[in-house]
N, C-alpha and C. Protein backbone atom coordinates (compact mmCIF):
# COMPACT_ATOMS: atom_id res chain seq x y z
N MET A 1 -14.98 -147.31 -50.51
CA MET A 1 -16.10 -147.62 -49.27
C MET A 1 -15.44 -147.83 -48.19
N LEU A 2 -14.37 -147.87 -48.07
CA LEU A 2 -13.95 -147.76 -46.65
C LEU A 2 -13.40 -146.53 -46.34
N TYR A 3 -13.08 -145.83 -47.20
CA TYR A 3 -12.81 -144.14 -46.99
C TYR A 3 -14.08 -143.28 -46.76
N ASN A 4 -15.11 -143.79 -47.85
CA ASN A 4 -16.32 -143.15 -47.26
C ASN A 4 -17.05 -143.23 -45.63
N ILE A 5 -16.71 -144.70 -45.27
CA ILE A 5 -17.37 -144.72 -44.12
C ILE A 5 -16.43 -144.49 -43.05
N LEU A 6 -14.85 -144.64 -43.15
CA LEU A 6 -14.06 -144.19 -42.33
C LEU A 6 -14.35 -142.51 -42.12
N ASP A 7 -14.36 -141.93 -43.13
CA ASP A 7 -14.67 -140.59 -43.07
C ASP A 7 -15.85 -140.16 -42.51
N ASN A 8 -17.12 -140.65 -42.61
CA ASN A 8 -18.14 -140.46 -41.88
C ASN A 8 -17.85 -140.55 -40.25
N ALA A 9 -17.32 -141.79 -39.83
CA ALA A 9 -16.91 -141.98 -38.55
C ALA A 9 -16.39 -140.90 -37.94
N LEU A 10 -15.05 -140.29 -38.78
CA LEU A 10 -14.32 -139.39 -38.40
C LEU A 10 -15.06 -138.07 -38.18
N LYS A 11 -16.27 -137.75 -39.20
CA LYS A 11 -16.85 -136.62 -38.66
C LYS A 11 -17.70 -136.60 -37.75
N PHE A 12 -18.31 -137.79 -37.29
CA PHE A 12 -19.33 -138.04 -36.28
C PHE A 12 -18.88 -138.27 -35.28
N THR A 13 -17.51 -138.48 -35.05
CA THR A 13 -16.87 -138.94 -33.31
C THR A 13 -16.61 -137.93 -32.67
N PRO A 14 -17.27 -137.40 -31.53
CA PRO A 14 -16.73 -136.02 -30.72
C PRO A 14 -15.39 -136.31 -30.26
N GLU A 15 -14.90 -135.18 -29.78
CA GLU A 15 -13.55 -135.10 -29.32
C GLU A 15 -13.61 -135.90 -28.01
N GLY A 16 -12.60 -136.91 -27.98
CA GLY A 16 -12.30 -137.96 -26.84
C GLY A 16 -12.98 -139.32 -26.91
N GLY A 17 -13.82 -139.05 -28.41
CA GLY A 17 -14.51 -140.46 -28.44
C GLY A 17 -13.20 -141.71 -29.19
N TYR A 18 -14.20 -142.45 -29.67
CA TYR A 18 -13.20 -143.57 -30.32
C TYR A 18 -13.88 -144.22 -31.83
N ILE A 19 -12.71 -144.88 -32.38
CA ILE A 19 -13.19 -145.49 -33.86
C ILE A 19 -12.53 -146.84 -33.58
N ARG A 20 -13.21 -147.73 -33.89
CA ARG A 20 -12.66 -149.20 -33.72
C ARG A 20 -12.93 -149.95 -35.35
N PHE A 21 -12.04 -150.70 -35.51
CA PHE A 21 -11.85 -151.32 -36.60
C PHE A 21 -11.83 -152.90 -36.44
N SER A 22 -12.65 -153.75 -37.13
CA SER A 22 -13.15 -154.92 -37.34
C SER A 22 -12.61 -156.08 -38.57
N VAL A 23 -11.71 -156.68 -38.82
CA VAL A 23 -11.62 -157.52 -39.79
C VAL A 23 -11.96 -158.88 -39.75
N LYS A 24 -12.84 -159.76 -40.11
CA LYS A 24 -12.59 -161.13 -39.99
C LYS A 24 -13.28 -162.03 -41.05
N LYS A 25 -12.51 -163.26 -41.26
CA LYS A 25 -12.60 -163.84 -42.48
C LYS A 25 -13.44 -165.24 -42.32
N SER A 26 -14.57 -165.52 -42.82
CA SER A 26 -15.14 -166.75 -42.77
C SER A 26 -15.73 -167.25 -43.90
N GLY A 27 -15.81 -168.35 -44.17
CA GLY A 27 -16.59 -168.98 -45.42
C GLY A 27 -16.25 -168.37 -46.89
N GLY A 28 -15.40 -167.75 -47.14
CA GLY A 28 -14.96 -167.26 -48.43
C GLY A 28 -15.41 -165.59 -48.33
N MET A 29 -15.63 -165.19 -47.45
CA MET A 29 -15.95 -163.90 -47.45
C MET A 29 -15.36 -163.21 -46.34
N VAL A 30 -15.18 -161.85 -46.46
CA VAL A 30 -14.49 -161.03 -45.24
C VAL A 30 -15.25 -159.98 -44.84
N THR A 31 -15.23 -159.82 -43.56
CA THR A 31 -16.39 -158.58 -43.01
C THR A 31 -15.62 -157.38 -42.52
N VAL A 32 -15.76 -156.27 -42.94
CA VAL A 32 -14.92 -155.35 -42.17
C VAL A 32 -16.09 -154.38 -41.32
N SER A 33 -15.80 -154.05 -39.96
CA SER A 33 -16.71 -153.14 -39.47
C SER A 33 -15.86 -151.94 -38.97
N ILE A 34 -16.75 -151.04 -38.90
CA ILE A 34 -16.09 -149.44 -38.31
C ILE A 34 -16.94 -149.19 -37.44
N ARG A 35 -16.73 -148.87 -35.97
CA ARG A 35 -17.50 -148.65 -35.00
C ARG A 35 -17.07 -146.99 -34.55
N ASN A 36 -18.11 -146.32 -34.17
CA ASN A 36 -17.53 -145.21 -33.96
C ASN A 36 -18.66 -144.61 -32.60
N SER A 37 -17.94 -143.84 -31.49
CA SER A 37 -18.54 -143.30 -30.18
C SER A 37 -19.25 -142.12 -30.70
N GLY A 38 -20.51 -141.57 -30.09
CA GLY A 38 -21.09 -140.48 -30.70
C GLY A 38 -22.50 -140.54 -30.54
N GLN A 39 -23.14 -139.58 -31.67
CA GLN A 39 -24.46 -139.63 -31.31
C GLN A 39 -25.04 -140.74 -31.97
N GLY A 40 -24.76 -141.73 -32.95
CA GLY A 40 -25.14 -142.70 -33.17
C GLY A 40 -26.53 -142.11 -34.20
N ILE A 41 -27.42 -143.26 -34.52
CA ILE A 41 -27.99 -142.97 -36.02
C ILE A 41 -29.38 -143.51 -34.98
N GLY A 42 -30.53 -143.02 -35.32
CA GLY A 42 -31.53 -143.31 -34.58
C GLY A 42 -32.26 -144.33 -35.31
N ALA A 43 -33.13 -145.24 -34.25
CA ALA A 43 -33.58 -146.45 -35.30
C ALA A 43 -34.60 -146.31 -36.15
N ASP A 44 -35.42 -145.25 -36.34
CA ASP A 44 -36.21 -144.70 -37.49
C ASP A 44 -35.47 -144.52 -38.70
N ALA A 45 -34.20 -143.86 -38.50
CA ALA A 45 -33.55 -143.45 -39.83
C ALA A 45 -32.62 -144.67 -40.17
N LEU A 46 -32.23 -145.58 -39.47
CA LEU A 46 -31.45 -146.86 -39.95
C LEU A 46 -32.02 -147.58 -41.21
N PRO A 47 -33.17 -147.93 -41.40
CA PRO A 47 -33.40 -148.51 -42.53
C PRO A 47 -33.16 -147.39 -43.72
N PHE A 48 -32.87 -146.21 -43.86
CA PHE A 48 -32.82 -145.45 -44.94
C PHE A 48 -31.43 -144.96 -45.30
N VAL A 49 -30.38 -145.04 -44.33
CA VAL A 49 -28.90 -144.39 -44.45
C VAL A 49 -28.32 -145.14 -45.73
N PHE A 50 -28.64 -145.85 -46.58
CA PHE A 50 -28.20 -146.46 -47.67
C PHE A 50 -28.87 -145.78 -48.75
N GLU A 51 -30.30 -145.06 -48.87
CA GLU A 51 -30.81 -144.45 -49.71
C GLU A 51 -30.05 -143.03 -50.26
N ARG A 52 -30.42 -143.00 -51.38
CA ARG A 52 -29.58 -142.06 -52.40
C ARG A 52 -30.18 -140.43 -51.81
N PHE A 53 -29.26 -139.69 -51.28
CA PHE A 53 -29.48 -138.39 -50.90
C PHE A 53 -30.22 -138.32 -49.50
N TYR A 54 -30.31 -139.31 -48.82
CA TYR A 54 -30.57 -139.27 -47.70
C TYR A 54 -29.63 -138.73 -46.49
N LYS A 55 -30.06 -137.88 -45.94
CA LYS A 55 -29.51 -137.72 -44.33
C LYS A 55 -30.24 -137.66 -43.10
N GLU A 56 -29.82 -138.13 -42.34
CA GLU A 56 -30.61 -138.49 -41.24
C GLU A 56 -31.32 -137.09 -40.62
N ASP A 57 -30.68 -136.08 -40.20
CA ASP A 57 -31.61 -134.97 -39.50
C ASP A 57 -30.57 -133.66 -39.81
N LYS A 58 -30.88 -133.00 -40.87
CA LYS A 58 -29.78 -132.17 -41.18
C LYS A 58 -29.60 -131.09 -40.36
N SER A 59 -30.43 -130.73 -39.28
CA SER A 59 -30.40 -129.63 -38.12
C SER A 59 -29.43 -130.37 -36.88
N ARG A 60 -29.19 -131.23 -36.93
CA ARG A 60 -28.54 -132.12 -35.59
C ARG A 60 -27.32 -132.71 -36.20
N GLY A 61 -26.27 -133.25 -35.37
CA GLY A 61 -25.15 -134.01 -35.37
C GLY A 61 -24.05 -132.74 -35.58
N LEU A 62 -22.66 -133.44 -35.53
CA LEU A 62 -21.48 -132.53 -35.44
C LEU A 62 -21.21 -132.08 -36.86
N ASN A 63 -21.80 -132.74 -38.18
CA ASN A 63 -21.46 -132.37 -39.45
C ASN A 63 -22.60 -132.67 -40.14
N ALA A 64 -22.97 -131.08 -40.78
CA ALA A 64 -23.87 -130.84 -41.97
C ALA A 64 -23.66 -131.34 -43.31
N ARG A 65 -22.38 -131.29 -43.58
CA ARG A 65 -21.90 -131.31 -44.79
C ARG A 65 -21.93 -132.72 -45.48
N GLY A 66 -22.10 -132.79 -46.70
CA GLY A 66 -22.38 -133.80 -47.77
C GLY A 66 -23.60 -134.09 -48.47
N SER A 67 -23.50 -134.78 -49.42
CA SER A 67 -24.81 -134.83 -50.14
C SER A 67 -25.73 -135.90 -50.18
N GLY A 68 -25.43 -136.97 -49.32
CA GLY A 68 -26.04 -137.68 -49.32
C GLY A 68 -25.97 -139.18 -50.08
N LEU A 69 -24.67 -139.07 -50.99
CA LEU A 69 -24.48 -140.02 -51.82
C LEU A 69 -23.52 -141.12 -51.32
N GLY A 70 -22.68 -140.79 -50.45
CA GLY A 70 -21.54 -141.88 -50.07
C GLY A 70 -22.43 -142.95 -49.85
N LEU A 71 -22.90 -143.28 -48.70
CA LEU A 71 -23.20 -144.56 -48.31
C LEU A 71 -24.11 -145.25 -49.79
N HIS A 72 -24.97 -144.46 -50.08
CA HIS A 72 -25.65 -145.27 -51.41
C HIS A 72 -24.73 -145.67 -52.44
N ILE A 73 -23.71 -144.80 -52.91
CA ILE A 73 -22.29 -145.51 -53.53
C ILE A 73 -21.94 -146.64 -53.22
N CYS A 74 -21.63 -146.96 -51.93
CA CYS A 74 -21.00 -147.99 -50.99
C CYS A 74 -21.95 -149.30 -51.11
N LYS A 75 -23.18 -149.07 -50.85
CA LYS A 75 -24.06 -149.85 -50.98
C LYS A 75 -24.15 -150.75 -52.55
N ILE A 76 -24.03 -149.87 -53.71
CA ILE A 76 -24.15 -150.33 -54.92
C ILE A 76 -22.84 -151.28 -55.57
N LEU A 77 -21.67 -150.62 -54.89
CA LEU A 77 -20.16 -151.14 -54.83
C LEU A 77 -20.09 -152.21 -54.04
N VAL A 78 -20.63 -152.41 -53.03
CA VAL A 78 -20.77 -153.81 -52.27
C VAL A 78 -21.59 -154.60 -52.97
N GLY A 79 -22.66 -154.32 -53.48
CA GLY A 79 -23.56 -155.36 -54.33
C GLY A 79 -22.81 -155.73 -55.21
N LEU A 80 -22.32 -154.93 -56.37
CA LEU A 80 -21.83 -155.62 -57.45
C LEU A 80 -20.66 -156.39 -57.14
N SER A 81 -19.84 -156.12 -55.99
CA SER A 81 -18.84 -157.05 -55.36
C SER A 81 -19.19 -158.41 -55.02
N GLY A 82 -20.73 -158.44 -54.77
CA GLY A 82 -20.90 -159.75 -54.09
C GLY A 82 -21.15 -159.96 -52.57
N GLY A 83 -21.08 -158.59 -51.93
CA GLY A 83 -21.19 -158.56 -50.67
C GLY A 83 -22.59 -157.77 -50.40
N LYS A 84 -22.59 -157.62 -48.55
CA LYS A 84 -23.48 -157.36 -48.29
C LYS A 84 -23.04 -155.94 -47.37
N ILE A 85 -23.92 -155.08 -47.07
CA ILE A 85 -23.69 -153.79 -46.09
C ILE A 85 -24.82 -153.50 -45.34
N TRP A 86 -24.48 -153.08 -44.04
CA TRP A 86 -25.82 -152.87 -43.15
C TRP A 86 -24.97 -152.06 -42.27
N ALA A 87 -25.86 -151.12 -41.23
CA ALA A 87 -25.44 -150.50 -40.05
C ALA A 87 -26.39 -150.73 -39.03
N GLU A 88 -25.49 -150.56 -37.81
CA GLU A 88 -26.44 -150.80 -36.45
C GLU A 88 -25.78 -149.54 -35.51
N SER A 89 -26.63 -149.43 -34.96
CA SER A 89 -26.54 -148.33 -33.95
C SER A 89 -27.63 -148.18 -32.55
N GLU A 90 -26.78 -147.46 -31.84
CA GLU A 90 -27.47 -147.39 -30.20
C GLU A 90 -27.30 -146.01 -29.82
N GLU A 91 -28.46 -145.37 -30.49
CA GLU A 91 -28.50 -143.84 -30.50
C GLU A 91 -27.92 -143.29 -29.30
N GLY A 92 -27.23 -142.30 -29.23
CA GLY A 92 -26.42 -141.55 -28.01
C GLY A 92 -25.21 -142.50 -27.74
N GLN A 93 -24.53 -143.48 -28.33
CA GLN A 93 -23.65 -144.05 -27.89
C GLN A 93 -22.66 -144.36 -29.10
N TRP A 94 -23.17 -145.16 -29.92
CA TRP A 94 -22.12 -145.85 -30.94
C TRP A 94 -22.81 -145.92 -32.30
N CYS A 95 -22.37 -146.21 -32.99
CA CYS A 95 -22.60 -146.56 -34.80
C CYS A 95 -21.79 -147.43 -35.16
N GLN A 96 -22.17 -148.10 -36.29
CA GLN A 96 -21.15 -149.16 -36.62
C GLN A 96 -21.77 -149.73 -38.05
N PHE A 97 -20.68 -149.18 -39.16
CA PHE A 97 -20.89 -149.61 -40.40
C PHE A 97 -20.38 -151.09 -40.80
N SER A 98 -20.71 -152.09 -41.50
CA SER A 98 -20.03 -153.41 -41.45
C SER A 98 -20.00 -153.54 -43.05
N PHE A 99 -19.54 -154.24 -44.14
CA PHE A 99 -19.80 -154.77 -45.16
C PHE A 99 -19.06 -156.01 -45.04
N THR A 100 -19.59 -157.08 -45.79
CA THR A 100 -18.82 -158.29 -46.31
C THR A 100 -18.35 -158.24 -47.77
N LEU A 101 -17.34 -158.64 -48.04
CA LEU A 101 -16.75 -158.99 -49.60
C LEU A 101 -16.35 -160.55 -49.67
N PRO A 102 -16.46 -160.81 -51.05
CA PRO A 102 -15.72 -162.49 -51.27
C PRO A 102 -14.19 -162.24 -51.19
N CYS A 103 -13.60 -163.09 -50.43
CA CYS A 103 -11.84 -162.83 -50.59
C CYS A 103 -11.47 -164.08 -51.08
N ASP A 104 -12.07 -164.91 -51.49
CA ASP A 104 -11.72 -166.07 -52.29
C ASP A 104 -11.83 -166.17 -53.90
N PRO A 105 -11.13 -166.30 -54.57
CA PRO A 105 -11.73 -166.39 -56.26
C PRO A 105 -12.65 -167.14 -56.82
N PRO A 106 -13.57 -166.84 -57.75
CA PRO A 106 -14.40 -167.61 -57.93
C PRO A 106 -13.93 -169.16 -58.82
N PRO A 107 -14.38 -169.84 -58.11
CA PRO A 107 -14.17 -171.34 -59.01
C PRO A 107 -13.09 -171.40 -60.23
N GLU A 108 -13.92 -170.58 -61.07
CA GLU A 108 -13.62 -171.10 -62.62
C GLU A 108 -12.11 -170.02 -62.66
N GLN A 109 -12.00 -169.00 -61.63
CA GLN A 109 -10.44 -168.31 -61.45
C GLN A 109 -9.58 -168.94 -60.93
N ARG A 110 -9.63 -170.29 -60.14
CA ARG A 110 -8.81 -170.32 -59.43
C ARG A 110 -7.93 -171.32 -60.36
N ARG A 111 -6.38 -171.09 -60.06
CA ARG A 111 -5.53 -172.05 -60.67
C ARG A 111 -5.27 -173.48 -60.24
N LYS A 112 -5.12 -174.29 -60.64
CA LYS A 112 -4.56 -175.57 -59.96
C LYS A 112 -3.07 -175.27 -59.63
N GLN A 113 -2.69 -175.74 -58.36
CA GLN A 113 -1.26 -175.58 -57.79
C GLN A 113 -0.58 -176.60 -58.55
N PRO A 114 0.45 -176.56 -58.82
CA PRO A 114 1.57 -177.65 -59.63
C PRO A 114 1.60 -178.64 -58.70
N GLY A 115 1.42 -179.79 -59.24
CA GLY A 115 1.46 -180.85 -58.22
C GLY A 115 0.41 -181.29 -57.63
N LYS A 116 -0.76 -181.00 -58.03
CA LYS A 116 -2.10 -181.02 -57.50
C LYS A 116 -3.00 -181.24 -58.18
N LYS A 117 -3.74 -182.14 -58.06
CA LYS A 117 -5.11 -182.67 -59.36
C LYS A 117 -6.15 -181.53 -58.81
């Protein structure tokens, strides 16, 4: 998931732009965010970016490669792992993809530490 999102950020960040990472842990979940400067994603396209074979506008942007499957696969993997994935963007400025994943083992898999009840 991380590779795919980072690869997309690299493809769509203009020369001299930026890519920023954020990782936060809260309530048994970790949230990973990757933000890049650049064209961004139009508000009308944001609801569809995780759909299979979806590509915003094939004639626009820095990179027309890709099958439109990567983000869909990320959504499936995050969901199967018990997390969520979403995208935010300000068109013409930046785009950010974030996902959450559980970071604590399920209660049935936690081992009691020696000497603790």
